[in-house]
Amino acid sequence: MKATIKTQGRQFTVQEGDILQVNRYADTSAGDTVTIGEVLMVGEGAEASFGTPQIEGASVTATVLENKRDKKVVVFKKKRRKGYRRKRGHRQEISVIKIESIQN
């Protein structure tokens, strides 16, 4: 069974057993269980049911595998012939989650 969920400001289409990288869930550690209540679609093919915008009572349960930091993104600004250069970096905090079950 497939489900389209909305979490951390992004939408994902998931199945049981999928592993995702999402923005870090606050106050979680490896092994914690997270319940995602914003389910937009459940099912496949002709049996799919869609919410307006969410399906009431549907939820997806996921387990946090690890919390880590993503790859560094370099932000470089330059104005030519002016001697203006700025270099900054950013590493996003992410959670790696595994989808355990989908309830509708």
N, C-alpha and C. Protein backbone atom coordinates (compact mmCIF):
# COMPACT_ATOMS: atom_id res chain seq x y z
N MET A 1 0.84 -1.17 0.00
CA MET A 1 0.00 0.00 0.00
C MET A 1 0.90 1.24 0.00
N LYS A 2 0.50 2.23 -0.79
CA LYS A 2 1.24 3.49 -0.88
C LYS A 2 0.49 4.59 -0.15
N ALA A 3 1.23 5.59 0.26
CA ALA A 3 0.63 6.76 0.89
C ALA A 3 1.47 7.98 0.53
N THR A 4 0.80 9.10 0.36
CA THR A 4 1.48 10.37 0.16
C THR A 4 1.34 11.15 1.46
N ILE A 5 2.48 11.50 2.04
CA ILE A 5 2.48 12.19 3.33
C ILE A 5 3.12 13.56 3.18
N LYS A 6 2.81 14.43 4.14
CA LYS A 6 3.45 15.73 4.20
C LYS A 6 4.10 15.84 5.56
N THR A 7 5.41 16.02 5.57
CA THR A 7 6.15 16.16 6.82
C THR A 7 7.31 17.11 6.61
N GLN A 8 7.55 17.93 7.61
CA GLN A 8 8.66 18.87 7.60
C GLN A 8 8.63 19.78 6.37
N GLY A 9 7.43 20.12 5.88
CA GLY A 9 7.29 21.04 4.75
C GLY A 9 7.49 20.42 3.39
N ARG A 10 7.63 19.10 3.31
CA ARG A 10 7.82 18.42 2.03
C ARG A 10 6.87 17.25 1.91
N GLN A 11 6.56 16.86 0.67
CA GLN A 11 5.66 15.73 0.43
C GLN A 11 6.45 14.54 -0.10
N PHE A 12 6.07 13.35 0.36
CA PHE A 12 6.72 12.12 -0.05
C PHE A 12 5.66 11.07 -0.34
N THR A 13 5.88 10.24 -1.37
CA THR A 13 5.05 9.07 -1.60
C THR A 13 5.84 7.88 -1.09
N VAL A 14 5.28 7.15 -0.11
CA VAL A 14 6.02 6.12 0.60
C VAL A 14 5.27 4.80 0.61
N GLN A 15 6.02 3.73 0.85
CA GLN A 15 5.50 2.39 1.11
C GLN A 15 6.13 1.91 2.40
N GLU A 16 5.62 0.83 2.94
CA GLU A 16 6.22 0.26 4.14
C GLU A 16 7.63 -0.22 3.81
N GLY A 17 8.58 0.12 4.68
CA GLY A 17 9.97 -0.28 4.48
C GLY A 17 10.83 0.77 3.81
N ASP A 18 10.24 1.86 3.30
CA ASP A 18 11.02 2.92 2.66
C ASP A 18 11.86 3.66 3.69
N ILE A 19 13.02 4.14 3.25
CA ILE A 19 13.90 4.94 4.10
C ILE A 19 14.01 6.33 3.50
N LEU A 20 13.74 7.35 4.31
CA LEU A 20 13.73 8.74 3.86
C LEU A 20 14.69 9.58 4.68
N GLN A 21 15.15 10.68 4.06
CA GLN A 21 15.90 11.70 4.78
C GLN A 21 15.04 12.96 4.81
N VAL A 22 14.68 13.39 6.01
CA VAL A 22 13.83 14.57 6.18
C VAL A 22 14.53 15.52 7.14
N ASN A 23 14.03 16.76 7.23
CA ASN A 23 14.57 17.70 8.21
C ASN A 23 14.42 17.09 9.60
N ARG A 24 15.34 17.42 10.48
CA ARG A 24 15.40 16.76 11.79
C ARG A 24 14.12 16.99 12.61
N TYR A 25 13.65 15.89 13.20
CA TYR A 25 12.55 15.96 14.16
C TYR A 25 13.13 16.40 15.50
N ALA A 26 12.54 17.42 16.10
CA ALA A 26 13.04 17.93 17.37
C ALA A 26 12.84 16.91 18.48
N ASP A 27 13.78 16.85 19.38
CA ASP A 27 13.70 16.01 20.58
C ASP A 27 13.52 14.53 20.27
N THR A 28 14.19 14.02 19.25
CA THR A 28 14.16 12.59 18.95
C THR A 28 15.59 12.05 18.94
N SER A 29 15.70 10.76 19.11
CA SER A 29 17.00 10.10 19.00
C SER A 29 16.78 8.79 18.24
N ALA A 30 17.86 8.10 17.95
CA ALA A 30 17.77 6.86 17.19
C ALA A 30 16.90 5.85 17.93
N GLY A 31 15.98 5.23 17.22
CA GLY A 31 15.08 4.23 17.80
C GLY A 31 13.73 4.77 18.20
N ASP A 32 13.55 6.09 18.22
CA ASP A 32 12.25 6.67 18.58
C ASP A 32 11.24 6.46 17.46
N THR A 33 9.96 6.42 17.84
CA THR A 33 8.88 6.26 16.88
C THR A 33 8.20 7.61 16.65
N VAL A 34 7.95 7.92 15.37
CA VAL A 34 7.32 9.18 14.99
C VAL A 34 6.03 8.85 14.25
N THR A 35 4.92 9.53 14.61
CA THR A 35 3.66 9.34 13.92
C THR A 35 3.38 10.57 13.07
N ILE A 36 3.16 10.35 11.78
CA ILE A 36 2.89 11.43 10.83
C ILE A 36 1.40 11.43 10.54
N GLY A 37 0.73 12.50 10.90
CA GLY A 37 -0.73 12.57 10.77
C GLY A 37 -1.21 13.23 9.50
N GLU A 38 -0.33 13.91 8.78
CA GLU A 38 -0.74 14.60 7.55
C GLU A 38 -0.63 13.63 6.37
N VAL A 39 -1.67 12.84 6.14
CA VAL A 39 -1.71 11.87 5.04
C VAL A 39 -2.63 12.44 3.97
N LEU A 40 -2.09 12.62 2.77
CA LEU A 40 -2.84 13.25 1.69
C LEU A 40 -3.52 12.23 0.78
N MET A 41 -2.94 11.01 0.66
CA MET A 41 -3.50 9.98 -0.22
C MET A 41 -3.09 8.62 0.32
N VAL A 42 -4.00 7.66 0.24
CA VAL A 42 -3.72 6.28 0.66
C VAL A 42 -4.26 5.34 -0.40
N GLY A 43 -3.51 4.30 -0.72
CA GLY A 43 -3.96 3.27 -1.66
C GLY A 43 -3.24 3.34 -2.98
N GLU A 44 -3.63 2.41 -3.87
CA GLU A 44 -3.03 2.33 -5.19
C GLU A 44 -4.12 2.13 -6.23
N GLY A 45 -3.91 2.67 -7.40
CA GLY A 45 -4.82 2.45 -8.53
C GLY A 45 -6.23 2.92 -8.27
N ALA A 46 -7.20 2.04 -8.54
CA ALA A 46 -8.61 2.40 -8.41
C ALA A 46 -9.05 2.51 -6.96
N GLU A 47 -8.33 1.87 -6.03
CA GLU A 47 -8.71 1.91 -4.63
C GLU A 47 -8.10 3.07 -3.86
N ALA A 48 -7.45 4.00 -4.55
CA ALA A 48 -6.81 5.13 -3.87
C ALA A 48 -7.87 6.09 -3.34
N SER A 49 -7.66 6.60 -2.13
CA SER A 49 -8.55 7.60 -1.57
C SER A 49 -7.75 8.87 -1.29
N PHE A 50 -8.34 9.99 -1.64
CA PHE A 50 -7.66 11.28 -1.55
C PHE A 50 -8.34 12.14 -0.49
N GLY A 51 -7.55 12.92 0.22
CA GLY A 51 -8.09 13.81 1.23
C GLY A 51 -8.32 15.20 0.67
N THR A 52 -9.04 16.00 1.42
CA THR A 52 -9.29 17.37 1.01
C THR A 52 -8.94 18.33 2.13
N PRO A 53 -7.75 18.67 2.46
CA PRO A 53 -6.49 18.19 1.86
C PRO A 53 -5.94 16.93 2.54
N GLN A 54 -6.44 16.57 3.73
CA GLN A 54 -5.91 15.41 4.44
C GLN A 54 -7.00 14.37 4.67
N ILE A 55 -6.59 13.12 4.85
CA ILE A 55 -7.52 12.04 5.16
C ILE A 55 -7.65 11.98 6.68
N GLU A 56 -8.88 12.09 7.16
CA GLU A 56 -9.12 12.07 8.61
C GLU A 56 -8.87 10.67 9.16
N GLY A 57 -8.14 10.60 10.25
CA GLY A 57 -7.89 9.33 10.92
C GLY A 57 -6.75 8.51 10.34
N ALA A 58 -6.19 8.91 9.22
CA ALA A 58 -5.08 8.17 8.63
C ALA A 58 -3.77 8.65 9.23
N SER A 59 -2.83 7.72 9.39
CA SER A 59 -1.52 8.09 9.92
C SER A 59 -0.47 7.12 9.41
N VAL A 60 0.76 7.56 9.46
CA VAL A 60 1.91 6.75 9.06
C VAL A 60 2.87 6.72 10.23
N THR A 61 3.34 5.53 10.59
CA THR A 61 4.27 5.37 11.70
C THR A 61 5.66 5.11 11.14
N ALA A 62 6.64 5.85 11.66
CA ALA A 62 8.02 5.72 11.20
C ALA A 62 8.95 5.63 12.40
N THR A 63 10.10 5.00 12.19
CA THR A 63 11.12 4.89 13.22
C THR A 63 12.34 5.71 12.80
N VAL A 64 12.88 6.48 13.73
CA VAL A 64 14.07 7.27 13.46
C VAL A 64 15.29 6.35 13.52
N LEU A 65 15.99 6.22 12.40
CA LEU A 65 17.18 5.37 12.37
C LEU A 65 18.39 6.12 12.91
N GLU A 66 18.54 7.39 12.50
CA GLU A 66 19.64 8.21 13.00
C GLU A 66 19.38 9.68 12.74
N ASN A 67 20.00 10.51 13.54
CA ASN A 67 20.02 11.95 13.33
C ASN A 67 21.44 12.33 12.95
N LYS A 68 21.58 13.08 11.88
CA LYS A 68 22.92 13.45 11.43
C LYS A 68 22.87 14.78 10.71
N ARG A 69 24.01 15.18 10.19
CA ARG A 69 24.08 16.41 9.41
C ARG A 69 24.35 16.05 7.96
N ASP A 70 23.70 16.76 7.05
CA ASP A 70 23.83 16.51 5.63
C ASP A 70 25.15 17.07 5.10
N LYS A 71 25.40 16.89 3.81
CA LYS A 71 26.60 17.42 3.18
C LYS A 71 26.63 18.94 3.26
N LYS A 72 27.82 19.51 3.25
CA LYS A 72 27.97 20.95 3.32
C LYS A 72 27.59 21.59 1.99
N VAL A 73 26.82 22.67 2.09
CA VAL A 73 26.47 23.48 0.94
C VAL A 73 27.28 24.77 1.05
N VAL A 74 28.06 25.09 0.03
CA VAL A 74 28.90 26.29 0.04
C VAL A 74 28.12 27.43 -0.62
N VAL A 75 28.04 28.56 0.11
CA VAL A 75 27.39 29.75 -0.42
C VAL A 75 28.50 30.75 -0.71
N PHE A 76 28.70 31.07 -1.98
CA PHE A 76 29.79 31.96 -2.39
C PHE A 76 29.19 33.15 -3.12
N LYS A 77 29.51 34.35 -2.64
CA LYS A 77 29.04 35.58 -3.28
C LYS A 77 30.24 36.34 -3.81
N LYS A 78 30.09 36.94 -4.98
CA LYS A 78 31.18 37.71 -5.56
C LYS A 78 30.62 38.79 -6.45
N LYS A 79 31.24 39.96 -6.40
CA LYS A 79 30.94 41.03 -7.35
C LYS A 79 32.24 41.31 -8.10
N ARG A 80 32.20 41.12 -9.37
CA ARG A 80 33.43 41.22 -10.13
C ARG A 80 33.99 42.64 -10.16
N ARG A 81 35.28 42.71 -10.15
CA ARG A 81 36.06 43.96 -10.20
C ARG A 81 35.85 44.86 -8.99
N LYS A 82 35.26 44.38 -7.95
CA LYS A 82 35.01 45.20 -6.76
C LYS A 82 35.78 44.69 -5.53
N GLY A 83 36.36 43.51 -5.62
CA GLY A 83 37.07 42.94 -4.49
C GLY A 83 36.14 42.39 -3.42
N TYR A 84 34.89 42.14 -3.78
CA TYR A 84 33.89 41.65 -2.82
C TYR A 84 33.73 40.15 -2.99
N ARG A 85 34.12 39.40 -1.96
CA ARG A 85 33.94 37.95 -1.97
C ARG A 85 33.54 37.51 -0.57
N ARG A 86 32.54 36.67 -0.48
CA ARG A 86 32.09 36.10 0.79
C ARG A 86 31.87 34.61 0.59
N LYS A 87 32.40 33.83 1.51
CA LYS A 87 32.23 32.37 1.43
C LYS A 87 31.70 31.88 2.77
N ARG A 88 30.57 31.23 2.73
CA ARG A 88 29.96 30.66 3.93
C ARG A 88 29.51 29.24 3.62
N GLY A 89 29.38 28.45 4.64
CA GLY A 89 28.92 27.07 4.47
C GLY A 89 27.73 26.80 5.37
N HIS A 90 26.98 25.75 5.02
CA HIS A 90 25.80 25.37 5.80
C HIS A 90 25.64 23.87 5.73
N ARG A 91 25.37 23.25 6.89
CA ARG A 91 25.05 21.82 6.94
C ARG A 91 23.70 21.66 7.59
N GLN A 92 22.76 21.06 6.85
CA GLN A 92 21.40 20.88 7.33
C GLN A 92 21.31 19.71 8.29
N GLU A 93 20.57 19.89 9.36
CA GLU A 93 20.32 18.80 10.31
C GLU A 93 19.21 17.92 9.74
N ILE A 94 19.45 16.61 9.62
CA ILE A 94 18.46 15.72 9.03
C ILE A 94 18.23 14.50 9.93
N SER A 95 17.07 13.89 9.75
CA SER A 95 16.73 12.62 10.39
C SER A 95 16.53 11.58 9.29
N VAL A 96 17.08 10.41 9.48
CA VAL A 96 16.86 9.29 8.56
C VAL A 96 15.78 8.42 9.20
N ILE A 97 14.63 8.28 8.49
CA ILE A 97 13.51 7.53 9.05
C ILE A 97 13.16 6.35 8.17
N LYS A 98 12.57 5.32 8.79
CA LYS A 98 12.09 4.14 8.06
C LYS A 98 10.60 4.02 8.30
N ILE A 99 9.82 3.90 7.23
CA ILE A 99 8.37 3.78 7.32
C ILE A 99 8.02 2.37 7.79
N GLU A 100 7.32 2.30 8.92
CA GLU A 100 6.97 1.01 9.51
C GLU A 100 5.57 0.54 9.11
N SER A 101 4.56 1.43 9.21
CA SER A 101 3.20 1.01 8.89
C SER A 101 2.37 2.20 8.41
N ILE A 102 1.33 1.86 7.66
CA ILE A 102 0.39 2.87 7.13
C ILE A 102 -1.01 2.45 7.58
N GLN A 103 -1.69 3.33 8.32
CA GLN A 103 -3.05 3.07 8.78
C GLN A 103 -3.99 4.06 8.09
N ASN A 104 -5.15 3.56 7.62
CA ASN A 104 -6.12 4.49 7.04
C ASN A 104 -7.46 4.36 7.68
